[in-house]
Amino acid sequence: MKNSIYAVLASVVLVSCSVPKNPLVGKWQNESGGIQLEYTANGKVQIIDSGPNVPDVLRVANGTYKIEGNTIKCQFEGVFALGGLHADKFSVSGNELVITNADGKTTRYKRL
């Protein structure tokens, strides 16, 4: 009985160790410093735009995200939901995140 309990515990440990870490989790800032992204482990995303010409009502966007391959799929709340589902390509290398939108525009972010 003890051996089977140890075998089950060992299996759980091995499975939990093999789950890939989400490379997006954390805070990121674009090269000009005006936009900050935060991805959480529970699938939440927040975008803060501190640009000088951005109206207050458009400074913060909250939503959810999921990763499918090299694509981030984001659904935002409130007025930002009008844009529908956003699907952008991404890559992470070290402390750099590169996001390419559907129009081919690429934005680079550094991990904070």
N, C-alpha and C. Protein backbone atom coordinates (compact mmCIF):
# COMPACT_ATOMS: atom_id res chain seq x y z
N MET A 1 0.82 -1.19 0.00
CA MET A 1 0.00 0.00 0.00
C MET A 1 0.87 1.27 0.00
N LYS A 2 1.91 1.28 0.86
CA LYS A 2 2.80 2.43 0.90
C LYS A 2 3.48 2.64 -0.44
N ASN A 3 3.90 1.56 -1.07
CA ASN A 3 4.59 1.68 -2.36
C ASN A 3 3.69 2.30 -3.42
N SER A 4 2.40 1.94 -3.42
CA SER A 4 1.50 2.51 -4.43
C SER A 4 1.25 4.00 -4.15
N ILE A 5 1.20 4.39 -2.89
CA ILE A 5 1.04 5.81 -2.56
C ILE A 5 2.26 6.59 -3.03
N TYR A 6 3.45 6.05 -2.79
CA TYR A 6 4.67 6.72 -3.24
C TYR A 6 4.71 6.81 -4.76
N ALA A 7 4.26 5.78 -5.44
CA ALA A 7 4.24 5.79 -6.91
C ALA A 7 3.30 6.87 -7.43
N VAL A 8 2.15 7.01 -6.81
CA VAL A 8 1.20 8.04 -7.22
C VAL A 8 1.79 9.43 -6.97
N LEU A 9 2.38 9.63 -5.81
CA LEU A 9 3.00 10.93 -5.50
C LEU A 9 4.13 11.25 -6.47
N ALA A 10 4.94 10.27 -6.79
CA ALA A 10 6.03 10.47 -7.74
C ALA A 10 5.49 10.84 -9.12
N SER A 11 4.39 10.22 -9.53
CA SER A 11 3.77 10.54 -10.82
C SER A 11 3.26 11.96 -10.84
N VAL A 12 2.63 12.39 -9.74
CA VAL A 12 2.12 13.76 -9.66
C VAL A 12 3.26 14.76 -9.75
N VAL A 13 4.34 14.50 -9.06
CA VAL A 13 5.50 15.39 -9.10
C VAL A 13 6.08 15.45 -10.50
N LEU A 14 6.22 14.33 -11.18
CA LEU A 14 6.76 14.31 -12.52
C LEU A 14 5.87 15.06 -13.50
N VAL A 15 4.58 14.87 -13.40
CA VAL A 15 3.65 15.54 -14.30
C VAL A 15 3.68 17.05 -14.06
N SER A 16 3.67 17.47 -12.80
CA SER A 16 3.68 18.91 -12.51
C SER A 16 4.99 19.55 -12.95
N CYS A 17 6.07 18.82 -12.93
CA CYS A 17 7.35 19.37 -13.37
C CYS A 17 7.43 19.47 -14.89
N SER A 18 6.64 18.69 -15.60
CA SER A 18 6.72 18.69 -17.05
C SER A 18 5.81 19.73 -17.70
N VAL A 19 4.97 20.41 -16.93
CA VAL A 19 4.11 21.46 -17.47
C VAL A 19 4.98 22.65 -17.84
N PRO A 20 4.93 23.09 -19.12
CA PRO A 20 5.80 24.19 -19.50
C PRO A 20 5.42 25.50 -18.80
N LYS A 21 6.42 26.29 -18.47
CA LYS A 21 6.20 27.57 -17.82
C LYS A 21 5.70 28.57 -18.86
N ASN A 22 4.76 29.41 -18.48
CA ASN A 22 4.22 30.42 -19.37
C ASN A 22 5.24 31.55 -19.49
N PRO A 23 5.83 31.75 -20.68
CA PRO A 23 6.88 32.77 -20.83
C PRO A 23 6.36 34.20 -20.77
N LEU A 24 5.04 34.41 -20.87
CA LEU A 24 4.49 35.76 -20.88
C LEU A 24 4.27 36.34 -19.49
N VAL A 25 4.16 35.48 -18.48
CA VAL A 25 3.80 35.95 -17.14
C VAL A 25 4.81 36.98 -16.65
N GLY A 26 4.28 38.12 -16.23
CA GLY A 26 5.11 39.20 -15.73
C GLY A 26 4.72 40.52 -16.35
N LYS A 27 5.54 41.53 -16.07
CA LYS A 27 5.30 42.88 -16.60
C LYS A 27 6.31 43.18 -17.69
N TRP A 28 5.84 43.87 -18.73
CA TRP A 28 6.63 44.21 -19.89
C TRP A 28 6.41 45.67 -20.25
N GLN A 29 7.43 46.33 -20.77
CA GLN A 29 7.29 47.72 -21.19
C GLN A 29 7.87 47.88 -22.59
N ASN A 30 7.16 48.65 -23.45
CA ASN A 30 7.66 48.84 -24.80
C ASN A 30 8.90 49.73 -24.80
N GLU A 31 9.56 49.79 -25.95
CA GLU A 31 10.85 50.50 -26.05
C GLU A 31 10.74 51.98 -25.71
N SER A 32 9.62 52.62 -26.06
CA SER A 32 9.48 54.05 -25.77
C SER A 32 9.03 54.31 -24.34
N GLY A 33 8.61 53.25 -23.63
CA GLY A 33 8.21 53.38 -22.24
C GLY A 33 6.77 53.81 -22.03
N GLY A 34 6.00 53.98 -23.11
CA GLY A 34 4.64 54.47 -22.98
C GLY A 34 3.59 53.41 -22.72
N ILE A 35 3.90 52.14 -23.04
CA ILE A 35 2.92 51.07 -22.87
C ILE A 35 3.51 49.98 -21.99
N GLN A 36 2.72 49.57 -21.00
CA GLN A 36 3.11 48.48 -20.11
C GLN A 36 2.07 47.38 -20.20
N LEU A 37 2.54 46.14 -20.34
CA LEU A 37 1.68 44.96 -20.37
C LEU A 37 1.93 44.16 -19.10
N GLU A 38 0.87 43.54 -18.58
CA GLU A 38 1.04 42.60 -17.48
C GLU A 38 0.20 41.37 -17.76
N TYR A 39 0.87 40.22 -17.82
CA TYR A 39 0.21 38.93 -18.01
C TYR A 39 0.33 38.15 -16.70
N THR A 40 -0.79 37.61 -16.22
CA THR A 40 -0.76 36.83 -14.98
C THR A 40 -0.86 35.34 -15.31
N ALA A 41 -0.48 34.52 -14.34
CA ALA A 41 -0.51 33.07 -14.53
C ALA A 41 -1.94 32.54 -14.66
N ASN A 42 -2.93 33.28 -14.17
CA ASN A 42 -4.31 32.81 -14.23
C ASN A 42 -5.06 33.34 -15.46
N GLY A 43 -4.32 33.82 -16.48
CA GLY A 43 -4.93 34.19 -17.75
C GLY A 43 -5.48 35.59 -17.85
N LYS A 44 -5.06 36.48 -16.96
CA LYS A 44 -5.51 37.88 -17.02
C LYS A 44 -4.43 38.72 -17.70
N VAL A 45 -4.87 39.76 -18.40
CA VAL A 45 -3.94 40.68 -19.03
C VAL A 45 -4.41 42.11 -18.76
N GLN A 46 -3.44 43.00 -18.55
CA GLN A 46 -3.74 44.41 -18.38
C GLN A 46 -2.75 45.20 -19.22
N ILE A 47 -3.28 46.17 -19.97
CA ILE A 47 -2.45 47.06 -20.77
C ILE A 47 -2.64 48.48 -20.24
N ILE A 48 -1.53 49.15 -19.94
CA ILE A 48 -1.57 50.53 -19.48
C ILE A 48 -0.83 51.39 -20.50
N ASP A 49 -1.54 52.37 -21.05
CA ASP A 49 -0.95 53.28 -22.04
C ASP A 49 -0.81 54.65 -21.38
N SER A 50 0.42 55.06 -21.12
CA SER A 50 0.66 56.33 -20.45
C SER A 50 1.07 57.43 -21.42
N GLY A 51 0.75 57.22 -22.70
CA GLY A 51 1.09 58.22 -23.71
C GLY A 51 0.42 59.57 -23.43
N PRO A 52 1.04 60.68 -23.85
CA PRO A 52 0.53 62.01 -23.51
C PRO A 52 -0.81 62.35 -24.16
N ASN A 53 -1.16 61.73 -25.26
CA ASN A 53 -2.39 62.07 -25.98
C ASN A 53 -3.50 61.04 -25.80
N VAL A 54 -3.36 60.17 -24.82
CA VAL A 54 -4.35 59.12 -24.60
C VAL A 54 -5.37 59.61 -23.57
N PRO A 55 -6.68 59.61 -23.94
CA PRO A 55 -7.71 60.01 -22.96
C PRO A 55 -7.72 59.06 -21.77
N ASP A 56 -8.04 59.57 -20.59
CA ASP A 56 -8.05 58.76 -19.37
C ASP A 56 -8.88 57.49 -19.52
N VAL A 57 -10.02 57.58 -20.20
CA VAL A 57 -10.91 56.43 -20.33
C VAL A 57 -10.27 55.30 -21.15
N LEU A 58 -9.23 55.62 -21.90
CA LEU A 58 -8.57 54.61 -22.74
C LEU A 58 -7.18 54.21 -22.23
N ARG A 59 -6.81 54.65 -21.04
CA ARG A 59 -5.46 54.36 -20.52
C ARG A 59 -5.26 52.92 -20.07
N VAL A 60 -6.30 52.28 -19.54
CA VAL A 60 -6.16 50.93 -18.99
C VAL A 60 -7.14 49.99 -19.66
N ALA A 61 -6.63 48.88 -20.18
CA ALA A 61 -7.46 47.84 -20.77
C ALA A 61 -7.25 46.55 -19.99
N ASN A 62 -8.32 45.95 -19.51
CA ASN A 62 -8.26 44.68 -18.79
C ASN A 62 -8.94 43.60 -19.62
N GLY A 63 -8.43 42.38 -19.50
CA GLY A 63 -9.04 41.29 -20.23
C GLY A 63 -8.44 39.95 -19.84
N THR A 64 -8.68 38.98 -20.69
CA THR A 64 -8.15 37.64 -20.50
C THR A 64 -7.35 37.25 -21.74
N TYR A 65 -6.48 36.27 -21.56
CA TYR A 65 -5.69 35.81 -22.69
C TYR A 65 -5.47 34.31 -22.59
N LYS A 66 -5.13 33.72 -23.74
CA LYS A 66 -4.65 32.35 -23.75
C LYS A 66 -3.63 32.24 -24.88
N ILE A 67 -2.75 31.28 -24.71
CA ILE A 67 -1.69 31.06 -25.69
C ILE A 67 -2.03 29.81 -26.49
N GLU A 68 -1.93 29.93 -27.80
CA GLU A 68 -2.08 28.79 -28.70
C GLU A 68 -0.89 28.80 -29.64
N GLY A 69 0.06 27.93 -29.35
CA GLY A 69 1.30 27.91 -30.14
C GLY A 69 2.06 29.19 -29.93
N ASN A 70 2.30 29.94 -31.02
CA ASN A 70 3.00 31.22 -30.90
C ASN A 70 2.03 32.39 -31.08
N THR A 71 0.76 32.16 -30.72
CA THR A 71 -0.26 33.19 -30.83
C THR A 71 -0.85 33.50 -29.46
N ILE A 72 -0.99 34.80 -29.16
CA ILE A 72 -1.69 35.24 -27.95
C ILE A 72 -3.08 35.65 -28.40
N LYS A 73 -4.09 35.08 -27.75
CA LYS A 73 -5.47 35.47 -28.05
C LYS A 73 -6.01 36.21 -26.83
N CYS A 74 -6.36 37.49 -27.04
CA CYS A 74 -6.83 38.35 -25.96
C CYS A 74 -8.26 38.81 -26.21
N GLN A 75 -9.05 38.78 -25.14
CA GLN A 75 -10.40 39.33 -25.17
C GLN A 75 -10.47 40.38 -24.08
N PHE A 76 -10.77 41.62 -24.47
CA PHE A 76 -10.78 42.72 -23.52
C PHE A 76 -12.19 43.04 -23.05
N GLU A 77 -12.27 43.79 -21.95
CA GLU A 77 -13.54 44.16 -21.32
C GLU A 77 -13.90 45.60 -21.66
N GLY A 78 -15.14 45.98 -21.38
CA GLY A 78 -15.59 47.36 -21.53
C GLY A 78 -15.52 47.83 -22.97
N VAL A 79 -15.17 49.09 -23.16
CA VAL A 79 -15.12 49.68 -24.48
C VAL A 79 -14.14 48.95 -25.40
N PHE A 80 -13.12 48.33 -24.82
CA PHE A 80 -12.12 47.60 -25.61
C PHE A 80 -12.68 46.30 -26.18
N ALA A 81 -13.79 45.80 -25.63
CA ALA A 81 -14.41 44.57 -26.13
C ALA A 81 -14.97 44.77 -27.54
N LEU A 82 -15.21 46.02 -27.91
CA LEU A 82 -15.75 46.30 -29.24
C LEU A 82 -14.81 45.86 -30.34
N GLY A 83 -13.54 45.77 -30.04
CA GLY A 83 -12.55 45.33 -31.03
C GLY A 83 -12.56 43.83 -31.26
N GLY A 84 -13.33 43.09 -30.47
CA GLY A 84 -13.39 41.64 -30.62
C GLY A 84 -12.14 40.95 -30.12
N LEU A 85 -12.00 39.70 -30.50
CA LEU A 85 -10.86 38.89 -30.10
C LEU A 85 -9.61 39.36 -30.86
N HIS A 86 -8.53 39.59 -30.13
CA HIS A 86 -7.26 39.98 -30.73
C HIS A 86 -6.36 38.74 -30.75
N ALA A 87 -5.81 38.43 -31.91
CA ALA A 87 -4.89 37.29 -32.04
C ALA A 87 -3.60 37.82 -32.66
N ASP A 88 -2.53 37.82 -31.88
CA ASP A 88 -1.24 38.34 -32.33
C ASP A 88 -0.17 37.27 -32.17
N LYS A 89 0.79 37.26 -33.07
CA LYS A 89 1.94 36.36 -32.97
C LYS A 89 2.91 36.94 -31.93
N PHE A 90 3.61 36.06 -31.24
CA PHE A 90 4.58 36.53 -30.26
C PHE A 90 5.78 35.61 -30.19
N SER A 91 6.87 36.15 -29.68
CA SER A 91 8.05 35.35 -29.35
C SER A 91 8.71 35.97 -28.13
N VAL A 92 9.29 35.13 -27.31
CA VAL A 92 10.01 35.58 -26.12
C VAL A 92 11.42 35.01 -26.20
N SER A 93 12.39 35.89 -26.05
CA SER A 93 13.78 35.48 -26.03
C SER A 93 14.45 36.21 -24.87
N GLY A 94 14.76 35.47 -23.83
CA GLY A 94 15.34 36.10 -22.64
C GLY A 94 14.35 37.08 -22.04
N ASN A 95 14.75 38.34 -21.95
CA ASN A 95 13.89 39.38 -21.38
C ASN A 95 13.24 40.25 -22.45
N GLU A 96 13.14 39.74 -23.68
CA GLU A 96 12.52 40.49 -24.75
C GLU A 96 11.28 39.75 -25.27
N LEU A 97 10.19 40.50 -25.39
CA LEU A 97 8.93 40.01 -25.96
C LEU A 97 8.69 40.77 -27.25
N VAL A 98 8.42 40.05 -28.32
CA VAL A 98 8.11 40.67 -29.61
C VAL A 98 6.69 40.25 -29.98
N ILE A 99 5.82 41.23 -30.22
CA ILE A 99 4.44 40.96 -30.61
C ILE A 99 4.23 41.53 -32.01
N THR A 100 3.67 40.70 -32.89
CA THR A 100 3.36 41.13 -34.25
C THR A 100 1.86 41.01 -34.45
N ASN A 101 1.22 42.14 -34.78
CA ASN A 101 -0.23 42.12 -34.93
C ASN A 101 -0.63 41.62 -36.32
N ALA A 102 -1.93 41.55 -36.57
CA ALA A 102 -2.45 41.02 -37.83
C ALA A 102 -2.03 41.84 -39.04
N ASP A 103 -1.72 43.13 -38.83
CA ASP A 103 -1.28 43.99 -39.93
C ASP A 103 0.23 43.90 -40.17
N GLY A 104 0.92 43.08 -39.37
CA GLY A 104 2.36 42.92 -39.53
C GLY A 104 3.21 43.91 -38.74
N LYS A 105 2.57 44.77 -37.95
CA LYS A 105 3.31 45.74 -37.12
C LYS A 105 3.93 45.00 -35.93
N THR A 106 5.22 45.21 -35.73
CA THR A 106 5.95 44.54 -34.65
C THR A 106 6.28 45.54 -33.55
N THR A 107 6.03 45.14 -32.30
CA THR A 107 6.37 45.96 -31.14
C THR A 107 7.24 45.12 -30.21
N ARG A 108 8.31 45.72 -29.71
CA ARG A 108 9.23 45.04 -28.79
C ARG A 108 9.03 45.55 -27.37
N TYR A 109 9.09 44.61 -26.43
CA TYR A 109 8.92 44.93 -25.01
C TYR A 109 10.07 44.31 -24.23
N LYS A 110 10.44 44.97 -23.14
CA LYS A 110 11.45 44.45 -22.21
C LYS A 110 10.76 44.06 -20.91
N ARG A 111 11.21 42.94 -20.35
CA ARG A 111 10.65 42.49 -19.06
C ARG A 111 11.08 43.46 -17.97
N LEU A 112 10.14 43.82 -17.11
CA LEU A 112 10.43 44.72 -15.98
C LEU A 112 10.84 43.91 -14.76
